Amino acid sequence: MKRFLAMALVVGTAFGCASSAKPDAAGGPAKLSEVEEKVLTQAAFELQCDRAQLQLTKLSNDGDMMGVKNDTFGVRGCNKQATYKTSCGWGQCNVFNMAQVQGTTPQRM
């Protein structure tokens, strides 16, 4: 069983399914990267939602070009969701909202 779990973790990491947040040394809550912090800060403002209620998902690693790392994140919270593209390099990270904020509650016809 342990071998299966270890293999699942390796496979998940290879395909980008594992979170980039790492638990702190004391085994406490995961520490977010600088770019994840920036995405959550922007999402909290745009979604008008407390950060504690937000769920961050890395959707894709869009590659590195000339020292600039590009990723796409999804954020959900307070019955809304949004997609963010990030561009980090040369000492700074930029976060861009890629779509209008969407509600996640079903629409009734």
N, C-alpha and C. Protein backbone atom coordinates (compact mmCIF):
# COMPACT_ATOMS: atom_id res chain seq x y z
N MET A 1 0.82 -1.19 0.00
CA MET A 1 0.00 0.00 0.00
C MET A 1 0.87 1.25 0.00
N LYS A 2 1.92 1.26 0.83
CA LYS A 2 2.81 2.42 0.87
C LYS A 2 3.46 2.65 -0.48
N ARG A 3 3.86 1.54 -1.12
CA ARG A 3 4.50 1.64 -2.43
C ARG A 3 3.52 2.25 -3.44
N PHE A 4 2.25 1.85 -3.40
CA PHE A 4 1.24 2.40 -4.31
C PHE A 4 1.07 3.90 -4.09
N LEU A 5 0.97 4.34 -2.82
CA LEU A 5 0.81 5.76 -2.53
C LEU A 5 2.01 6.56 -3.00
N ALA A 6 3.21 6.02 -2.79
CA ALA A 6 4.41 6.72 -3.24
C ALA A 6 4.42 6.84 -4.75
N MET A 7 4.02 5.79 -5.45
CA MET A 7 3.98 5.83 -6.91
C MET A 7 2.93 6.82 -7.40
N ALA A 8 1.77 6.86 -6.74
CA ALA A 8 0.72 7.80 -7.12
C ALA A 8 1.20 9.24 -6.95
N LEU A 9 1.95 9.51 -5.90
CA LEU A 9 2.49 10.84 -5.68
C LEU A 9 3.48 11.21 -6.77
N VAL A 10 4.35 10.28 -7.13
CA VAL A 10 5.33 10.54 -8.19
C VAL A 10 4.62 10.80 -9.52
N VAL A 11 3.64 9.99 -9.86
CA VAL A 11 2.91 10.17 -11.11
C VAL A 11 2.15 11.49 -11.10
N GLY A 12 1.48 11.80 -9.99
CA GLY A 12 0.76 13.07 -9.89
C GLY A 12 1.67 14.26 -10.04
N THR A 13 2.85 14.21 -9.44
CA THR A 13 3.80 15.30 -9.55
C THR A 13 4.29 15.44 -10.99
N ALA A 14 4.54 14.34 -11.65
CA ALA A 14 5.05 14.39 -13.02
C ALA A 14 4.04 15.03 -13.97
N PHE A 15 2.76 14.88 -13.70
CA PHE A 15 1.74 15.45 -14.58
C PHE A 15 1.17 16.76 -14.04
N GLY A 16 1.77 17.33 -13.02
CA GLY A 16 1.35 18.63 -12.53
C GLY A 16 0.12 18.61 -11.66
N CYS A 17 -0.24 17.46 -11.12
CA CYS A 17 -1.45 17.37 -10.31
C CYS A 17 -1.18 17.71 -8.85
N ALA A 18 0.06 17.64 -8.44
CA ALA A 18 0.38 17.92 -7.04
C ALA A 18 0.47 19.42 -6.82
N SER A 19 0.12 19.88 -5.65
CA SER A 19 0.21 21.29 -5.32
C SER A 19 1.66 21.71 -5.18
N SER A 20 1.93 22.97 -5.53
CA SER A 20 3.30 23.47 -5.36
C SER A 20 3.52 23.96 -3.93
N ALA A 21 2.46 24.03 -3.14
CA ALA A 21 2.60 24.43 -1.75
C ALA A 21 3.22 23.29 -0.96
N LYS A 22 4.17 23.62 -0.11
CA LYS A 22 4.88 22.61 0.67
C LYS A 22 4.62 22.83 2.15
N PRO A 23 4.38 21.75 2.92
CA PRO A 23 4.17 21.91 4.35
C PRO A 23 5.41 22.51 5.00
N ASP A 24 5.19 23.29 6.06
CA ASP A 24 6.35 23.86 6.75
C ASP A 24 7.09 22.77 7.51
N ALA A 25 8.26 23.10 8.05
CA ALA A 25 9.13 22.12 8.70
C ALA A 25 8.44 21.43 9.89
N ALA A 26 7.53 22.14 10.55
CA ALA A 26 6.85 21.58 11.71
C ALA A 26 5.62 20.75 11.31
N GLY A 27 5.39 20.58 10.00
CA GLY A 27 4.24 19.80 9.55
C GLY A 27 2.96 20.61 9.58
N GLY A 28 3.07 21.93 9.69
CA GLY A 28 1.90 22.80 9.71
C GLY A 28 1.32 22.99 8.33
N PRO A 29 0.47 23.99 8.17
CA PRO A 29 -0.17 24.23 6.88
C PRO A 29 0.87 24.52 5.79
N ALA A 30 0.49 24.22 4.56
CA ALA A 30 1.40 24.42 3.44
C ALA A 30 1.70 25.90 3.25
N LYS A 31 2.95 26.18 2.91
CA LYS A 31 3.37 27.55 2.62
C LYS A 31 3.23 27.79 1.13
N LEU A 32 2.58 28.87 0.76
CA LEU A 32 2.36 29.19 -0.64
C LEU A 32 3.56 29.92 -1.22
N SER A 33 3.76 29.76 -2.52
CA SER A 33 4.82 30.49 -3.20
C SER A 33 4.42 31.96 -3.35
N GLU A 34 5.37 32.79 -3.75
CA GLU A 34 5.09 34.21 -3.94
C GLU A 34 3.99 34.42 -4.98
N VAL A 35 4.06 33.68 -6.07
CA VAL A 35 3.06 33.85 -7.13
C VAL A 35 1.69 33.38 -6.66
N GLU A 36 1.62 32.29 -5.91
CA GLU A 36 0.34 31.83 -5.37
C GLU A 36 -0.26 32.86 -4.42
N GLU A 37 0.58 33.48 -3.60
CA GLU A 37 0.11 34.55 -2.69
C GLU A 37 -0.47 35.71 -3.50
N LYS A 38 0.21 36.10 -4.57
CA LYS A 38 -0.27 37.21 -5.40
C LYS A 38 -1.59 36.87 -6.08
N VAL A 39 -1.71 35.65 -6.58
CA VAL A 39 -2.97 35.23 -7.22
C VAL A 39 -4.11 35.29 -6.21
N LEU A 40 -3.89 34.76 -5.00
CA LEU A 40 -4.95 34.77 -3.99
C LEU A 40 -5.32 36.17 -3.54
N THR A 41 -4.34 37.05 -3.44
CA THR A 41 -4.61 38.45 -3.05
C THR A 41 -5.49 39.12 -4.10
N GLN A 42 -5.14 38.94 -5.38
CA GLN A 42 -5.94 39.55 -6.45
C GLN A 42 -7.33 38.92 -6.51
N ALA A 43 -7.40 37.60 -6.37
CA ALA A 43 -8.69 36.91 -6.42
C ALA A 43 -9.61 37.33 -5.28
N ALA A 44 -9.05 37.50 -4.08
CA ALA A 44 -9.87 37.93 -2.93
C ALA A 44 -10.52 39.27 -3.23
N PHE A 45 -9.78 40.16 -3.85
CA PHE A 45 -10.33 41.48 -4.20
C PHE A 45 -11.38 41.35 -5.29
N GLU A 46 -11.05 40.67 -6.38
CA GLU A 46 -11.96 40.59 -7.53
C GLU A 46 -13.20 39.76 -7.27
N LEU A 47 -13.06 38.69 -6.49
CA LEU A 47 -14.21 37.85 -6.18
C LEU A 47 -14.99 38.36 -4.97
N GLN A 48 -14.45 39.40 -4.32
CA GLN A 48 -15.04 39.95 -3.10
C GLN A 48 -15.29 38.83 -2.10
N CYS A 49 -14.21 38.10 -1.81
CA CYS A 49 -14.30 36.90 -0.99
C CYS A 49 -13.09 36.84 -0.06
N ASP A 50 -13.31 36.46 1.19
CA ASP A 50 -12.23 36.32 2.16
C ASP A 50 -11.24 35.26 1.68
N ARG A 51 -9.95 35.54 1.79
CA ARG A 51 -8.92 34.61 1.33
C ARG A 51 -9.06 33.21 1.92
N ALA A 52 -9.51 33.14 3.17
CA ALA A 52 -9.65 31.84 3.84
C ALA A 52 -10.69 30.95 3.14
N GLN A 53 -11.58 31.54 2.36
CA GLN A 53 -12.62 30.77 1.67
C GLN A 53 -12.24 30.41 0.23
N LEU A 54 -11.06 30.84 -0.22
CA LEU A 54 -10.65 30.61 -1.60
C LEU A 54 -9.91 29.29 -1.77
N GLN A 55 -10.16 28.62 -2.89
CA GLN A 55 -9.45 27.40 -3.28
C GLN A 55 -8.61 27.73 -4.51
N LEU A 56 -7.32 27.47 -4.44
CA LEU A 56 -6.39 27.74 -5.53
C LEU A 56 -6.01 26.42 -6.20
N THR A 57 -6.11 26.37 -7.52
CA THR A 57 -5.73 25.19 -8.29
C THR A 57 -4.80 25.62 -9.42
N LYS A 58 -3.65 24.95 -9.52
CA LYS A 58 -2.77 25.22 -10.65
C LYS A 58 -3.32 24.44 -11.83
N LEU A 59 -3.72 25.14 -12.88
CA LEU A 59 -4.32 24.50 -14.04
C LEU A 59 -3.28 24.04 -15.05
N SER A 60 -2.23 24.84 -15.23
CA SER A 60 -1.20 24.44 -16.20
C SER A 60 0.09 25.21 -15.98
N ASN A 61 1.17 24.55 -16.39
CA ASN A 61 2.48 25.19 -16.46
C ASN A 61 2.65 25.54 -17.93
N ASP A 62 2.61 26.83 -18.24
CA ASP A 62 2.60 27.27 -19.62
C ASP A 62 3.98 27.46 -20.21
N GLY A 63 5.00 27.05 -19.45
CA GLY A 63 6.35 27.04 -19.98
C GLY A 63 7.21 28.21 -19.53
N ASP A 64 8.47 28.04 -19.84
CA ASP A 64 9.47 29.07 -19.53
C ASP A 64 10.03 29.58 -20.85
N MET A 65 10.16 30.90 -20.93
CA MET A 65 10.75 31.48 -22.12
C MET A 65 11.64 32.64 -21.70
N MET A 66 12.91 32.54 -22.01
CA MET A 66 13.88 33.60 -21.72
C MET A 66 13.87 33.99 -20.24
N GLY A 67 13.78 33.00 -19.35
CA GLY A 67 13.82 33.26 -17.92
C GLY A 67 12.50 33.69 -17.31
N VAL A 68 11.43 33.69 -18.09
CA VAL A 68 10.11 34.08 -17.59
C VAL A 68 9.25 32.83 -17.51
N LYS A 69 8.73 32.55 -16.30
CA LYS A 69 7.90 31.37 -16.07
C LYS A 69 6.43 31.78 -16.13
N ASN A 70 5.65 31.04 -16.90
CA ASN A 70 4.24 31.35 -17.09
C ASN A 70 3.38 30.17 -16.63
N ASP A 71 2.37 30.46 -15.81
CA ASP A 71 1.45 29.44 -15.29
C ASP A 71 0.03 29.96 -15.37
N THR A 72 -0.93 29.03 -15.28
CA THR A 72 -2.34 29.39 -15.22
C THR A 72 -2.93 28.78 -13.94
N PHE A 73 -3.68 29.59 -13.19
CA PHE A 73 -4.31 29.17 -11.94
C PHE A 73 -5.82 29.42 -12.02
N GLY A 74 -6.58 28.58 -11.34
CA GLY A 74 -8.00 28.79 -11.15
C GLY A 74 -8.25 29.04 -9.68
N VAL A 75 -9.17 29.96 -9.38
CA VAL A 75 -9.53 30.26 -8.00
C VAL A 75 -11.04 30.23 -7.87
N ARG A 76 -11.52 29.52 -6.83
CA ARG A 76 -12.95 29.44 -6.53
C ARG A 76 -13.19 29.87 -5.10
N GLY A 77 -14.31 30.53 -4.89
CA GLY A 77 -14.73 30.90 -3.55
C GLY A 77 -15.95 31.78 -3.59
N CYS A 78 -16.77 31.72 -2.56
CA CYS A 78 -17.98 32.55 -2.44
C CYS A 78 -18.88 32.42 -3.67
N ASN A 79 -19.02 31.18 -4.18
CA ASN A 79 -19.86 30.87 -5.33
C ASN A 79 -19.44 31.60 -6.60
N LYS A 80 -18.14 31.89 -6.73
CA LYS A 80 -17.58 32.53 -7.92
C LYS A 80 -16.28 31.82 -8.28
N GLN A 81 -15.83 32.02 -9.51
CA GLN A 81 -14.54 31.49 -9.91
C GLN A 81 -13.92 32.41 -10.96
N ALA A 82 -12.59 32.35 -11.08
CA ALA A 82 -11.87 33.14 -12.07
C ALA A 82 -10.59 32.40 -12.44
N THR A 83 -10.05 32.75 -13.60
CA THR A 83 -8.81 32.16 -14.10
C THR A 83 -7.75 33.25 -14.18
N TYR A 84 -6.54 32.90 -13.73
CA TYR A 84 -5.44 33.86 -13.70
C TYR A 84 -4.21 33.31 -14.41
N LYS A 85 -3.60 34.12 -15.25
CA LYS A 85 -2.31 33.80 -15.88
C LYS A 85 -1.26 34.56 -15.10
N THR A 86 -0.12 33.92 -14.89
CA THR A 86 0.98 34.58 -14.20
C THR A 86 2.21 34.58 -15.10
N SER A 87 3.01 35.60 -14.92
CA SER A 87 4.26 35.74 -15.67
C SER A 87 5.31 36.23 -14.68
N CYS A 88 6.28 35.36 -14.37
CA CYS A 88 7.28 35.69 -13.36
C CYS A 88 8.68 35.59 -13.96
N GLY A 89 9.44 36.64 -13.78
CA GLY A 89 10.82 36.65 -14.25
C GLY A 89 11.42 38.03 -14.04
N TRP A 90 12.71 38.07 -14.11
CA TRP A 90 13.45 39.32 -13.96
C TRP A 90 13.07 40.06 -12.68
N GLY A 91 12.85 39.29 -11.61
CA GLY A 91 12.62 39.88 -10.29
C GLY A 91 11.21 40.32 -10.00
N GLN A 92 10.25 39.99 -10.84
CA GLN A 92 8.87 40.39 -10.56
C GLN A 92 7.88 39.34 -11.08
N CYS A 93 6.69 39.35 -10.48
CA CYS A 93 5.60 38.47 -10.92
C CYS A 93 4.38 39.32 -11.23
N ASN A 94 3.78 39.07 -12.38
CA ASN A 94 2.56 39.76 -12.76
C ASN A 94 1.42 38.75 -12.80
N VAL A 95 0.23 39.18 -12.38
CA VAL A 95 -0.95 38.33 -12.34
C VAL A 95 -2.02 39.00 -13.20
N PHE A 96 -2.59 38.22 -14.14
CA PHE A 96 -3.59 38.76 -15.05
C PHE A 96 -4.86 37.93 -14.94
N ASN A 97 -6.02 38.60 -14.77
CA ASN A 97 -7.30 37.93 -14.76
C ASN A 97 -7.67 37.67 -16.22
N MET A 98 -7.89 36.39 -16.57
CA MET A 98 -8.11 36.02 -17.97
C MET A 98 -9.57 36.00 -18.39
N ALA A 99 -10.48 36.19 -17.49
CA ALA A 99 -11.89 36.14 -17.87
C ALA A 99 -12.71 36.92 -16.87
N GLN A 100 -13.89 37.24 -17.28
CA GLN A 100 -14.81 37.87 -16.36
C GLN A 100 -15.14 36.89 -15.25
N VAL A 101 -15.32 37.39 -14.04
CA VAL A 101 -15.65 36.54 -12.90
C VAL A 101 -16.96 35.82 -13.20
N GLN A 102 -17.01 34.52 -12.90
CA GLN A 102 -18.18 33.71 -13.18
C GLN A 102 -18.77 33.17 -11.89
N GLY A 103 -20.09 33.11 -11.83
CA GLY A 103 -20.76 32.47 -10.71
C GLY A 103 -20.67 30.96 -10.87
N THR A 104 -20.63 30.24 -9.76
CA THR A 104 -20.58 28.78 -9.84
C THR A 104 -21.89 28.12 -9.44
N THR A 105 -22.91 28.92 -9.15
CA THR A 105 -24.21 28.32 -8.81
C THR A 105 -24.98 28.06 -10.10
N PRO A 106 -25.72 26.98 -10.17
CA PRO A 106 -26.46 26.65 -11.40
C PRO A 106 -27.51 27.71 -11.71
N GLN A 107 -27.67 28.01 -12.97
CA GLN A 107 -28.69 28.97 -13.41
C GLN A 107 -30.00 28.23 -13.65
N ARG A 108 -31.10 28.79 -13.22
CA ARG A 108 -32.43 28.18 -13.44
C ARG A 108 -33.06 28.81 -14.65
N MET A 109 -33.69 27.99 -15.43
CA MET A 109 -34.33 28.48 -16.66
C MET A 109 -35.78 28.73 -16.42
